[in-house]
């Protein structure tokens, strides 16, 4: 399973728990906010979201949310020279 698919999986699990896609998206940006999550299961999922997004920090990607859940896509997987 690729990091992109794992990130999608964890984002969708988190939004099921907290019912707020904007809060879920914030887990990709801030590791500090994760420390203050009261739900331990959600805290672990949020940490994995942050880890996956950190792993992709040098890759251009976009995260979209729709009725089907989160979708993560790599933008320009091949960089032209």
PDB file of N, CA and C in Angstrom:
ATOM      1  N   UNK A   1       0.853  -1.190   0.000  1.00  0.00           N
ATOM      2  CA  UNK A   1       0.000   0.000   0.000  1.00  0.00           C
ATOM      3  C   UNK A   1       0.891   1.244   0.000  1.00  0.00           C
ATOM      4  N   UNK A   2       0.594   2.156  -0.878  1.00  0.00           N
ATOM      5  CA  UNK A   2       1.407   3.362  -0.973  1.00  0.00           C
ATOM      6  C   UNK A   2       1.041   4.361   0.122  1.00  0.00           C
ATOM      7  N   UNK A   3       1.909   5.319   0.315  1.00  0.00           N
ATOM      8  CA  UNK A   3       1.671   6.347   1.330  1.00  0.00           C
ATOM      9  C   UNK A   3       0.410   7.146   0.990  1.00  0.00           C
ATOM     10  N   UNK A   4       0.180   7.384  -0.296  1.00  0.00           N
ATOM     11  CA  UNK A   4      -1.011   8.133  -0.719  1.00  0.00           C
ATOM     12  C   UNK A   4      -2.279   7.387  -0.308  1.00  0.00           C
ATOM     13  N   UNK A   5      -2.321   6.093  -0.542  1.00  0.00           N
ATOM     14  CA  UNK A   5      -3.501   5.288  -0.175  1.00  0.00           C
ATOM     15  C   UNK A   5      -3.662   5.221   1.345  1.00  0.00           C
ATOM     16  N   UNK A   6      -2.546   5.126   2.059  1.00  0.00           N
ATOM     17  CA  UNK A   6      -2.616   5.114   3.519  1.00  0.00           C
ATOM     18  C   UNK A   6      -3.147   6.442   4.034  1.00  0.00           C
ATOM     19  N   UNK A   7      -2.680   7.543   3.448  1.00  0.00           N
ATOM     20  CA  UNK A   7      -3.155   8.860   3.853  1.00  0.00           C
ATOM     21  C   UNK A   7      -4.655   8.977   3.625  1.00  0.00           C
ATOM     22  N   UNK A   8      -5.140   8.519   2.483  1.00  0.00           N
ATOM     23  CA  UNK A   8      -6.582   8.520   2.206  1.00  0.00           C
ATOM     24  C   UNK A   8      -7.340   7.717   3.259  1.00  0.00           C
ATOM     25  N   UNK A   9      -6.824   6.536   3.562  1.00  0.00           N
ATOM     26  CA  UNK A   9      -7.476   5.648   4.533  1.00  0.00           C
ATOM     27  C   UNK A   9      -7.584   6.318   5.902  1.00  0.00           C
ATOM     28  N   UNK A  10      -6.486   6.910   6.365  1.00  0.00           N
ATOM     29  CA  UNK A  10      -6.496   7.549   7.686  1.00  0.00           C
ATOM     30  C   UNK A  10      -7.364   8.809   7.706  1.00  0.00           C
ATOM     31  N   UNK A  11      -7.356   9.576   6.633  1.00  0.00           N
ATOM     32  CA  UNK A  11      -8.221  10.761   6.569  1.00  0.00           C
ATOM     33  C   UNK A  11      -9.693  10.361   6.663  1.00  0.00           C
ATOM     34  N   UNK A  12     -10.062   9.310   5.956  1.00  0.00           N
ATOM     35  CA  UNK A  12     -11.451   8.855   5.985  1.00  0.00           C
ATOM     36  C   UNK A  12     -11.842   8.266   7.343  1.00  0.00           C
ATOM     37  N   UNK A  13     -10.914   7.583   7.992  1.00  0.00           N
ATOM     38  CA  UNK A  13     -11.195   7.071   9.339  1.00  0.00           C
ATOM     39  C   UNK A  13     -11.393   8.224  10.323  1.00  0.00           C
ATOM     40  N   UNK A  14     -10.552   9.243  10.209  1.00  0.00           N
ATOM     41  CA  UNK A  14     -10.637  10.381  11.130  1.00  0.00           C
ATOM     42  C   UNK A  14     -11.939  11.155  10.943  1.00  0.00           C
ATOM     43  N   UNK A  15     -12.351  11.353   9.709  1.00  0.00           N
ATOM     44  CA  UNK A  15     -13.581  12.113   9.471  1.00  0.00           C
ATOM     45  C   UNK A  15     -14.805  11.329   9.947  1.00  0.00           C
ATOM     46  N   UNK A  16     -14.717  10.016   9.967  1.00  0.00           N
ATOM     47  CA  UNK A  16     -15.816   9.211  10.523  1.00  0.00           C
ATOM     48  C   UNK A  16     -15.961   9.450  12.023  1.00  0.00           C
ATOM     49  N   UNK A  17     -14.843   9.661  12.695  1.00  0.00           N
ATOM     50  CA  UNK A  17     -14.864   9.852  14.145  1.00  0.00           C
ATOM     51  C   UNK A  17     -15.269  11.270  14.528  1.00  0.00           C
ATOM     52  N   UNK A  18     -14.674  12.270  13.870  1.00  0.00           N
ATOM     53  CA  UNK A  18     -14.940  13.649  14.316  1.00  0.00           C
ATOM     54  C   UNK A  18     -15.974  14.400  13.487  1.00  0.00           C
ATOM     55  N   UNK A  19     -16.420  13.848  12.368  1.00  0.00           N
ATOM     56  CA  UNK A  19     -17.481  14.441  11.537  1.00  0.00           C
ATOM     57  C   UNK A  19     -17.181  15.861  11.066  1.00  0.00           C
ATOM     58  N   UNK A  20     -15.908  16.226  10.949  1.00  0.00           N
ATOM     59  CA  UNK A  20     -15.553  17.567  10.490  1.00  0.00           C
ATOM     60  C   UNK A  20     -14.349  17.464   9.568  1.00  0.00           C
ATOM     61  N   UNK A  21     -14.599  17.628   8.277  1.00  0.00           N
ATOM     62  CA  UNK A  21     -13.518  17.431   7.324  1.00  0.00           C
ATOM     63  C   UNK A  21     -12.435  18.513   7.423  1.00  0.00           C
ATOM     64  N   UNK A  22     -12.798  19.721   7.839  1.00  0.00           N
ATOM     65  CA  UNK A  22     -11.792  20.775   7.978  1.00  0.00           C
ATOM     66  C   UNK A  22     -10.834  20.498   9.126  1.00  0.00           C
ATOM     67  N   UNK A  23     -11.359  20.008  10.230  1.00  0.00           N
ATOM     68  CA  UNK A  23     -10.500  19.636  11.357  1.00  0.00           C
ATOM     69  C   UNK A  23      -9.608  18.470  10.948  1.00  0.00           C
ATOM     70  N   UNK A  24     -10.181  17.514  10.236  1.00  0.00           N
ATOM     71  CA  UNK A  24      -9.404  16.365   9.770  1.00  0.00           C
ATOM     72  C   UNK A  24      -8.273  16.816   8.863  1.00  0.00           C
ATOM     73  N   UNK A  25      -8.548  17.750   7.971  1.00  0.00           N
ATOM     74  CA  UNK A  25      -7.518  18.265   7.073  1.00  0.00           C
ATOM     75  C   UNK A  25      -6.410  18.985   7.832  1.00  0.00           C
ATOM     76  N   UNK A  26      -6.752  19.598   8.944  1.00  0.00           N
ATOM     77  CA  UNK A  26      -5.739  20.321   9.726  1.00  0.00           C
ATOM     78  C   UNK A  26      -4.692  19.377  10.317  1.00  0.00           C
ATOM     79  N   UNK A  27      -5.014  18.101  10.444  1.00  0.00           N
ATOM     80  CA  UNK A  27      -4.047  17.137  10.969  1.00  0.00           C
ATOM     81  C   UNK A  27      -2.855  16.962  10.035  1.00  0.00           C
ATOM     82  N   UNK A  28      -2.982  17.334   8.759  1.00  0.00           N
ATOM     83  CA  UNK A  28      -1.869  17.217   7.823  1.00  0.00           C
ATOM     84  C   UNK A  28      -0.847  18.329   8.029  1.00  0.00           C
ATOM     85  N   UNK A  29      -1.239  19.397   8.732  1.00  0.00           N
ATOM     86  CA  UNK A  29      -0.400  20.585   8.835  1.00  0.00           C
ATOM     87  C   UNK A  29       0.267  20.786  10.191  1.00  0.00           C
ATOM     88  N   UNK A  30      -0.398  20.425  11.257  1.00  0.00           N
ATOM     89  CA  UNK A  30       0.110  20.776  12.581  1.00  0.00           C
ATOM     90  C   UNK A  30       0.240  19.560  13.479  1.00  0.00           C
ATOM     91  N   UNK A  31       1.450  19.340  13.958  1.00  0.00           N
ATOM     92  CA  UNK A  31       1.645  18.232  14.886  1.00  0.00           C
ATOM     93  C   UNK A  31       1.261  18.637  16.308  1.00  0.00           C
ATOM     94  N   UNK A  32       1.303  19.935  16.604  1.00  0.00           N
ATOM     95  CA  UNK A  32       0.947  20.409  17.945  1.00  0.00           C
ATOM     96  C   UNK A  32      -0.522  20.168  18.276  1.00  0.00           C
ATOM     97  N   UNK A  33      -1.399  20.380  17.317  1.00  0.00           N
ATOM     98  CA  UNK A  33      -2.830  20.209  17.546  1.00  0.00           C
ATOM     99  C   UNK A  33      -3.165  18.766  17.925  1.00  0.00           C
ATOM    100  N   UNK A  34      -2.376  17.844  17.437  1.00  0.00           N
ATOM    101  CA  UNK A  34      -2.615  16.423  17.712  1.00  0.00           C
ATOM    102  C   UNK A  34      -2.480  16.119  19.199  1.00  0.00           C
ATOM    103  N   UNK A  35      -1.598  16.819  19.878  1.00  0.00           N
ATOM    104  CA  UNK A  35      -1.368  16.576  21.304  1.00  0.00           C
ATOM    105  C   UNK A  35      -2.606  16.851  22.157  1.00  0.00           C
ATOM    106  N   UNK A  36      -3.472  17.724  21.689  1.00  0.00           N
ATOM    107  CA  UNK A  36      -4.625  18.145  22.482  1.00  0.00           C
ATOM    108  C   UNK A  36      -5.928  17.443  22.111  1.00  0.00           C
ATOM    109  N   UNK A  37      -5.852  16.413  21.286  1.00  0.00           N
ATOM    110  CA  UNK A  37      -7.052  15.648  20.926  1.00  0.00           C
ATOM    111  C   UNK A  37      -7.406  14.741  22.099  1.00  0.00           C
ATOM    112  N   UNK A  38      -8.631  14.864  22.634  1.00  0.00           N
ATOM    113  CA  UNK A  38      -8.983  14.062  23.807  1.00  0.00           C
ATOM    114  C   UNK A  38      -9.213  12.573  23.495  1.00  0.00           C
ATOM    115  N   UNK A  39      -9.672  12.257  22.312  1.00  0.00           N
ATOM    116  CA  UNK A  39      -9.959  10.878  21.927  1.00  0.00           C
ATOM    117  C   UNK A  39      -8.653  10.185  21.515  1.00  0.00           C
ATOM    118  N   UNK A  40      -8.254   9.159  22.243  1.00  0.00           N
ATOM    119  CA  UNK A  40      -6.976   8.480  22.000  1.00  0.00           C
ATOM    120  C   UNK A  40      -6.920   7.800  20.635  1.00  0.00           C
ATOM    121  N   UNK A  41      -8.027   7.204  20.222  1.00  0.00           N
ATOM    122  CA  UNK A  41      -8.047   6.545  18.910  1.00  0.00           C
ATOM    123  C   UNK A  41      -7.851   7.581  17.805  1.00  0.00           C
ATOM    124  N   UNK A  42      -8.542   8.705  17.920  1.00  0.00           N
ATOM    125  CA  UNK A  42      -8.416   9.778  16.934  1.00  0.00           C
ATOM    126  C   UNK A  42      -7.011  10.384  16.973  1.00  0.00           C
ATOM    127  N   UNK A  43      -6.430  10.451  18.154  1.00  0.00           N
ATOM    128  CA  UNK A  43      -5.075  10.994  18.291  1.00  0.00           C
ATOM    129  C   UNK A  43      -4.070  10.130  17.515  1.00  0.00           C
ATOM    130  N   UNK A  44      -4.211   8.809  17.597  1.00  0.00           N
ATOM    131  CA  UNK A  44      -3.316   7.905  16.880  1.00  0.00           C
ATOM    132  C   UNK A  44      -3.502   8.026  15.368  1.00  0.00           C
ATOM    133  N   UNK A  45      -4.747   8.128  14.939  1.00  0.00           N
ATOM    134  CA  UNK A  45      -5.029   8.290  13.506  1.00  0.00           C
ATOM    135  C   UNK A  45      -4.483   9.627  13.012  1.00  0.00           C
ATOM    136  N   UNK A  46      -4.673  10.683  13.782  1.00  0.00           N
ATOM    137  CA  UNK A  46      -4.168  12.014  13.408  1.00  0.00           C
ATOM    138  C   UNK A  46      -2.643  12.005  13.311  1.00  0.00           C
ATOM    139  N   UNK A  47      -1.995  11.290  14.197  1.00  0.00           N
ATOM    140  CA  UNK A  47      -0.531  11.189  14.136  1.00  0.00           C
ATOM    141  C   UNK A  47      -0.091  10.485  12.853  1.00  0.00           C
ATOM    142  N   UNK A  48      -0.811   9.470  12.451  1.00  0.00           N
ATOM    143  CA  UNK A  48      -0.488   8.773  11.206  1.00  0.00           C
ATOM    144  C   UNK A  48      -0.750   9.665   9.993  1.00  0.00           C
ATOM    145  N   UNK A  49      -1.790  10.476  10.057  1.00  0.00           N
ATOM    146  CA  UNK A  49      -2.072  11.430   8.972  1.00  0.00           C
ATOM    147  C   UNK A  49      -0.907  12.403   8.844  1.00  0.00           C
ATOM    148  N   UNK A  50      -0.473  12.941   9.964  1.00  0.00           N
ATOM    149  CA  UNK A  50       0.646  13.880   9.939  1.00  0.00           C
ATOM    150  C   UNK A  50       1.920  13.209   9.414  1.00  0.00           C
ATOM    151  N   UNK A  51       2.167  11.992   9.843  1.00  0.00           N
ATOM    152  CA  UNK A  51       3.347  11.253   9.397  1.00  0.00           C
ATOM    153  C   UNK A  51       3.316  11.027   7.883  1.00  0.00           C
ATOM    154  N   UNK A  52       2.174  10.614   7.355  1.00  0.00           N
ATOM    155  CA  UNK A  52       2.050  10.384   5.910  1.00  0.00           C
ATOM    156  C   UNK A  52       2.241  11.689   5.132  1.00  0.00           C
ATOM    157  N   UNK A  53       1.628  12.765   5.589  1.00  0.00           N
ATOM    158  CA  UNK A  53       1.763  14.034   4.881  1.00  0.00           C
ATOM    159  C   UNK A  53       3.193  14.566   4.977  1.00  0.00           C
ATOM    160  N   UNK A  54       3.860  14.309   6.092  1.00  0.00           N
ATOM    161  CA  UNK A  54       5.254  14.716   6.225  1.00  0.00           C
ATOM    162  C   UNK A  54       6.148  13.913   5.273  1.00  0.00           C
ATOM    163  N   UNK A  55       5.826  12.657   5.112  1.00  0.00           N
ATOM    164  CA  UNK A  55       6.580  11.813   4.193  1.00  0.00           C
ATOM    165  C   UNK A  55       6.455  12.327   2.760  1.00  0.00           C
ATOM    166  N   UNK A  56       5.318  12.929   2.430  1.00  0.00           N
ATOM    167  CA  UNK A  56       5.055  13.443   1.080  1.00  0.00           C
ATOM    168  C   UNK A  56       5.427  14.917   0.920  1.00  0.00           C
ATOM    169  N   UNK A  57       6.151  15.489   1.849  1.00  0.00           N
ATOM    170  CA  UNK A  57       6.401  16.930   1.833  1.00  0.00           C
ATOM    171  C   UNK A  57       7.143  17.421   0.602  1.00  0.00           C
ATOM    172  N   UNK A  58       7.923  16.574  -0.062  1.00  0.00           N
ATOM    173  CA  UNK A  58       8.659  16.983  -1.256  1.00  0.00           C
ATOM    174  C   UNK A  58       7.944  16.572  -2.543  1.00  0.00           C
ATOM    175  N   UNK A  59       6.731  16.092  -2.412  1.00  0.00           N
ATOM    176  CA  UNK A  59       5.925  15.667  -3.555  1.00  0.00           C
ATOM    177  C   UNK A  59       4.725  16.596  -3.659  1.00  0.00           C
ATOM    178  N   UNK A  60       4.402  17.015  -4.867  1.00  0.00           N
ATOM    179  CA  UNK A  60       3.203  17.840  -5.065  1.00  0.00           C
ATOM    180  C   UNK A  60       1.982  16.920  -5.064  1.00  0.00           C
ATOM    181  N   UNK A  61       1.072  17.185  -4.154  1.00  0.00           N
ATOM    182  CA  UNK A  61      -0.142  16.385  -4.078  1.00  0.00           C
ATOM    183  C   UNK A  61      -1.302  17.276  -3.665  1.00  0.00           C
ATOM    184  N   UNK A  62      -2.501  16.791  -3.940  1.00  0.00           N
ATOM    185  CA  UNK A  62      -3.701  17.523  -3.536  1.00  0.00           C
ATOM    186  C   UNK A  62      -4.645  16.571  -2.816  1.00  0.00           C
ATOM    187  N   UNK A  63      -5.342  17.132  -1.850  1.00  0.00           N
ATOM    188  CA  UNK A  63      -6.334  16.371  -1.098  1.00  0.00           C
ATOM    189  C   UNK A  63      -7.688  16.979  -1.415  1.00  0.00           C
ATOM    190  N   UNK A  64      -8.606  16.153  -1.868  1.00  0.00           N
ATOM    191  CA  UNK A  64      -9.968  16.625  -2.140  1.00  0.00           C
ATOM    192  C   UNK A  64     -10.937  15.839  -1.275  1.00  0.00           C
ATOM    193  N   UNK A  65     -12.041  16.485  -0.948  1.00  0.00           N
ATOM    194  CA  UNK A  65     -13.084  15.845  -0.142  1.00  0.00           C
ATOM    195  C   UNK A  65     -14.405  15.994  -0.866  1.00  0.00           C
ATOM    196  N   UNK A  66     -15.131  14.892  -0.980  1.00  0.00           N
ATOM    197  CA  UNK A  66     -16.473  14.920  -1.571  1.00  0.00           C
ATOM    198  C   UNK A  66     -17.344  13.907  -0.836  1.00  0.00           C
ATOM    199  N   UNK A  67     -18.500  13.629  -1.361  1.00  0.00           N
ATOM    200  CA  UNK A  67     -19.440  12.718  -0.697  1.00  0.00           C
ATOM    201  C   UNK A  67     -18.848  11.317  -0.505  1.00  0.00           C
ATOM    202  N   UNK A  68     -17.916  10.941  -1.348  1.00  0.00           N
ATOM    203  CA  UNK A  68     -17.290   9.625  -1.244  1.00  0.00           C
ATOM    204  C   UNK A  68     -16.135   9.576  -0.258  1.00  0.00           C
ATOM    205  N   UNK A  69     -15.767  10.724   0.301  1.00  0.00           N
ATOM    206  CA  UNK A  69     -14.666  10.781   1.255  1.00  0.00           C
ATOM    207  C   UNK A  69     -13.475  11.522   0.684  1.00  0.00           C
ATOM    208  N   UNK A  70     -12.350  11.357   1.333  1.00  0.00           N
ATOM    209  CA  UNK A  70     -11.122  12.020   0.914  1.00  0.00           C
ATOM    210  C   UNK A  70     -10.471  11.267  -0.233  1.00  0.00           C
ATOM    211  N   UNK A  71      -9.807  12.041  -1.091  1.00  0.00           N
ATOM    212  CA  UNK A  71      -9.031  11.461  -2.178  1.00  0.00           C
ATOM    213  C   UNK A  71      -7.721  12.240  -2.274  1.00  0.00           C
ATOM    214  N   UNK A  72      -6.631  11.519  -2.344  1.00  0.00           N
ATOM    215  CA  UNK A  72      -5.304  12.137  -2.439  1.00  0.00           C
ATOM    216  C   UNK A  72      -4.725  11.787  -3.801  1.00  0.00           C
ATOM    217  N   UNK A  73      -4.282  12.816  -4.529  1.00  0.00           N
ATOM    218  CA  UNK A  73      -3.706  12.618  -5.859  1.00  0.00           C
ATOM    219  C   UNK A  73      -2.350  13.282  -5.955  1.00  0.00           C
ATOM    220  N   UNK A  74      -1.422  12.573  -6.579  1.00  0.00           N
ATOM    221  CA  UNK A  74      -0.108  13.132  -6.867  1.00  0.00           C
ATOM    222  C   UNK A  74      -0.248  14.018  -8.104  1.00  0.00           C
ATOM    223  N   UNK A  75       0.325  15.224  -8.031  1.00  0.00           N
ATOM    224  CA  UNK A  75       0.301  16.138  -9.163  1.00  0.00           C
ATOM    225  C   UNK A  75       1.630  15.998  -9.902  1.00  0.00           C
ATOM    226  N   UNK A  76       1.562  15.751 -11.201  1.00  0.00           N
ATOM    227  CA  UNK A  76       2.766  15.592 -12.026  1.00  0.00           C
ATOM    228  C   UNK A  76       3.749  14.593 -11.418  1.00  0.00           C
ATOM    229  N   UNK A  77       3.387  13.312 -11.431  1.00  0.00           N
ATOM    230  CA  UNK A  77       4.279  12.315 -10.833  1.00  0.00           C
ATOM    231  C   UNK A  77       5.660  12.242 -11.492  1.00  0.00           C
ATOM    232  N   UNK A  78       5.761  12.673 -12.746  1.00  0.00           N
ATOM    233  CA  UNK A  78       7.042  12.700 -13.433  1.00  0.00           C
ATOM    234  C   UNK A  78       7.405  14.146 -13.697  1.00  0.00           C
ATOM    235  N   UNK A  79       8.527  14.570 -13.192  1.00  0.00           N
ATOM    236  CA  UNK A  79       8.963  15.934 -13.388  1.00  0.00           C
ATOM    237  C   UNK A  79       9.755  16.031 -14.693  1.00  0.00           C
ATOM    238  N   UNK A  80       9.277  16.847 -15.638  1.00  0.00           N
ATOM    239  CA  UNK A  80      10.030  16.971 -16.901  1.00  0.00           C
ATOM    240  C   UNK A  80      11.292  17.811 -16.717  1.00  0.00           C
ATOM    241  N   UNK A  81      12.303  17.521 -17.493  1.00  0.00           N
ATOM    242  CA  UNK A  81      13.555  18.258 -17.422  1.00  0.00           C
ATOM    243  C   UNK A  81      13.658  19.240 -18.549  1.00  0.00           C
TER     244      UNK A  81
END
